[in-house]
């Protein structure tokens, strides 16, 4: 814990400082949600195909990034909201898309199920 997944449009790969984002996200998660640094794990998954509304996907006028943070139960709603706001601010700092691209960024904190185990 925490289990962090970042899904994003492959078209923004060159504009996304993933290493810098992961480091800053781990720091924020430790500070805001009282996680242990060694427990922070982030996976990045680039999507081959992203569709937005009625846009022709070949135009690449839109890009999507969504961050999911799975935490053990016990955080307040205020803590979860503060963490998601921090995630969005970090995405703004670590993704520099071309002026012609609209970036749609979102984040959510979910509680891990009681069945969660790790080794």
Foldseek 3Di string as FASTA:
>chain_A
DWEKEKEKAPVQVVQFPVVVLQVQLLVLCCVLVVDDSVVDDYDYHHDDFDDDDPDDRVVQQEMEMEMEIEAAPDDDPVSFVVSFVSSVVSRVVGGDDDPSHHYHYGYGYHYDDPPDDDD
